[in-house]
C-alpha atoms as a PDB file:
ATOM      1  CA  MET A   1       5.899  -8.021 -10.660  1.00  0.00           C
ATOM      2  CA  ILE A   2       6.060  -8.031 -14.435  1.00  0.00           C
ATOM      3  CA  LYS A   3       2.840  -6.791 -15.966  1.00  0.00           C
ATOM      4  CA  ASN A   4       2.334  -7.659 -19.600  1.00  0.00           C
ATOM      5  CA  ALA A   5      -0.370  -9.281 -21.724  1.00  0.00           C
ATOM      6  CA  LYS A   6       0.155 -12.841 -20.455  1.00  0.00           C
ATOM      7  CA  PHE A   7       0.233 -11.763 -16.822  1.00  0.00           C
ATOM      8  CA  THR A   8      -2.849  -9.578 -17.279  1.00  0.00           C
ATOM      9  CA  GLU A   9      -4.723 -12.402 -19.029  1.00  0.00           C
ATOM     10  CA  ALA A  10      -3.861 -14.828 -16.217  1.00  0.00           C
ATOM     11  CA  LEU A  11      -4.971 -12.329 -13.592  1.00  0.00           C
ATOM     12  CA  SER A  12      -8.263 -11.749 -15.433  1.00  0.00           C
ATOM     13  CA  LEU A  13      -8.899 -15.501 -15.564  1.00  0.00           C
ATOM     14  CA  ALA A  14      -8.139 -15.859 -11.853  1.00  0.00           C
ATOM     15  CA  VAL A  15     -10.403 -12.929 -10.954  1.00  0.00           C
ATOM     16  CA  GLU A  16     -13.251 -14.512 -12.924  1.00  0.00           C
ATOM     17  CA  ALA A  17     -12.609 -18.018 -11.553  1.00  0.00           C
ATOM     18  CA  HIS A  18     -12.510 -16.867  -7.927  1.00  0.00           C
ATOM     19  CA  GLU A  19     -15.336 -14.344  -8.138  1.00  0.00           C
ATOM     20  CA  GLY A  20     -17.473 -14.470  -5.002  1.00  0.00           C
ATOM     21  CA  ARG A  21     -14.984 -16.624  -3.065  1.00  0.00           C
ATOM     22  CA  TYR A  22     -13.441 -15.505   0.187  1.00  0.00           C
ATOM     23  CA  GLN A  23     -10.489 -16.704   2.199  1.00  0.00           C
ATOM     24  CA  LYS A  24     -11.396 -19.135   4.963  1.00  0.00           C
ATOM     25  CA  SER A  25     -12.712 -17.539   8.134  1.00  0.00           C
ATOM     26  CA  SER A  26     -12.597 -14.004   6.744  1.00  0.00           C
ATOM     27  CA  ASN A  27     -14.262 -11.653   4.334  1.00  0.00           C
ATOM     28  CA  VAL A  28     -11.069 -11.078   2.324  1.00  0.00           C
ATOM     29  CA  PRO A  29     -11.615 -11.903  -1.368  1.00  0.00           C
ATOM     30  CA  TYR A  30      -9.761 -15.067  -2.401  1.00  0.00           C
ATOM     31  CA  ILE A  31      -8.028 -13.266  -5.269  1.00  0.00           C
ATOM     32  CA  VAL A  32      -5.888 -11.486  -2.655  1.00  0.00           C
ATOM     33  CA  HIS A  33      -4.281 -14.855  -1.831  1.00  0.00           C
ATOM     34  CA  VAL A  34      -3.243 -15.629  -5.408  1.00  0.00           C
ATOM     35  CA  VAL A  35      -1.888 -12.109  -5.941  1.00  0.00           C
ATOM     36  CA  GLU A  36       0.126 -12.476  -2.723  1.00  0.00           C
ATOM     37  CA  VAL A  37       1.525 -15.791  -3.999  1.00  0.00           C
ATOM     38  CA  ALA A  38       2.597 -14.152  -7.266  1.00  0.00           C
ATOM     39  CA  GLY A  39       4.193 -11.345  -5.268  1.00  0.00           C
ATOM     40  CA  LEU A  40       6.174 -13.801  -3.173  1.00  0.00           C
ATOM     41  CA  VAL A  41       7.327 -15.595  -6.305  1.00  0.00           C
ATOM     42  CA  ALA A  42       8.541 -12.272  -7.749  1.00  0.00           C
ATOM     43  CA  ARG A  43      10.175 -11.252  -4.473  1.00  0.00           C
ATOM     44  CA  PHE A  44      12.251 -14.422  -4.439  1.00  0.00           C
ATOM     45  CA  GLY A  45      13.358 -14.105  -8.052  1.00  0.00           C
ATOM     46  CA  GLY A  46      10.671 -15.963  -9.951  1.00  0.00           C
ATOM     47  CA  ASP A  47      10.287 -14.979 -13.568  1.00  0.00           C
ATOM     48  CA  GLU A  48       7.062 -14.049 -15.339  1.00  0.00           C
ATOM     49  CA  GLU A  49       6.026 -17.645 -16.001  1.00  0.00           C
ATOM     50  CA  LEU A  50       6.424 -18.586 -12.347  1.00  0.00           C
ATOM     51  CA  GLN A  51       4.456 -15.503 -11.309  1.00  0.00           C
ATOM     52  CA  ILE A  52       1.669 -16.541 -13.678  1.00  0.00           C
ATOM     53  CA  ALA A  53       1.741 -20.014 -12.119  1.00  0.00           C
ATOM     54  CA  GLY A  54       1.259 -18.312  -8.756  1.00  0.00           C
ATOM     55  CA  ILE A  55      -1.744 -16.409 -10.094  1.00  0.00           C
ATOM     56  CA  LEU A  56      -3.311 -19.550 -11.574  1.00  0.00           C
ATOM     57  CA  HIS A  57      -2.342 -22.136  -8.947  1.00  0.00           C
ATOM     58  CA  ASP A  58      -5.877 -22.564  -7.558  1.00  0.00           C
ATOM     59  CA  VAL A  59      -7.943 -21.934 -10.683  1.00  0.00           C
ATOM     60  CA  LEU A  60      -8.380 -25.625 -11.572  1.00  0.00           C
ATOM     61  CA  ASP A  61      -8.814 -26.793  -7.978  1.00  0.00           C
ATOM     62  CA  HIS A  62     -11.205 -24.162  -6.714  1.00  0.00           C
ATOM     63  CA  GLY A  63     -12.251 -21.898  -9.533  1.00  0.00           C
ATOM     64  CA  GLY A  64     -14.682 -24.081 -11.425  1.00  0.00           C
ATOM     65  CA  VAL A  65     -12.475 -23.985 -14.517  1.00  0.00           C
ATOM     66  CA  THR A  66     -11.779 -27.247 -16.329  1.00  0.00           C
ATOM     67  CA  TYR A  67      -8.832 -28.283 -18.443  1.00  0.00           C
ATOM     68  CA  ARG A  68      -8.764 -30.784 -21.264  1.00  0.00           C
ATOM     69  CA  PHE A  69      -5.546 -32.371 -22.526  1.00  0.00           C
ATOM     70  CA  ILE A  70      -5.325 -32.270 -26.284  1.00  0.00           C
END
């Protein structure tokens, strides 16, 4: 995985958004899922932007974060 400022910022946002959440039927923190998704994206050739999308893919749905179109 590429680790630079954008990636690190996305990961920080995801960690904050998913704080206290766990994967269904387990005590594994939910953030493990989004990091695994980003890893799969990288493994199959996805660039940094696609990896960031993997990190953030559940933030709006499950993380309590809102987005406003400008």
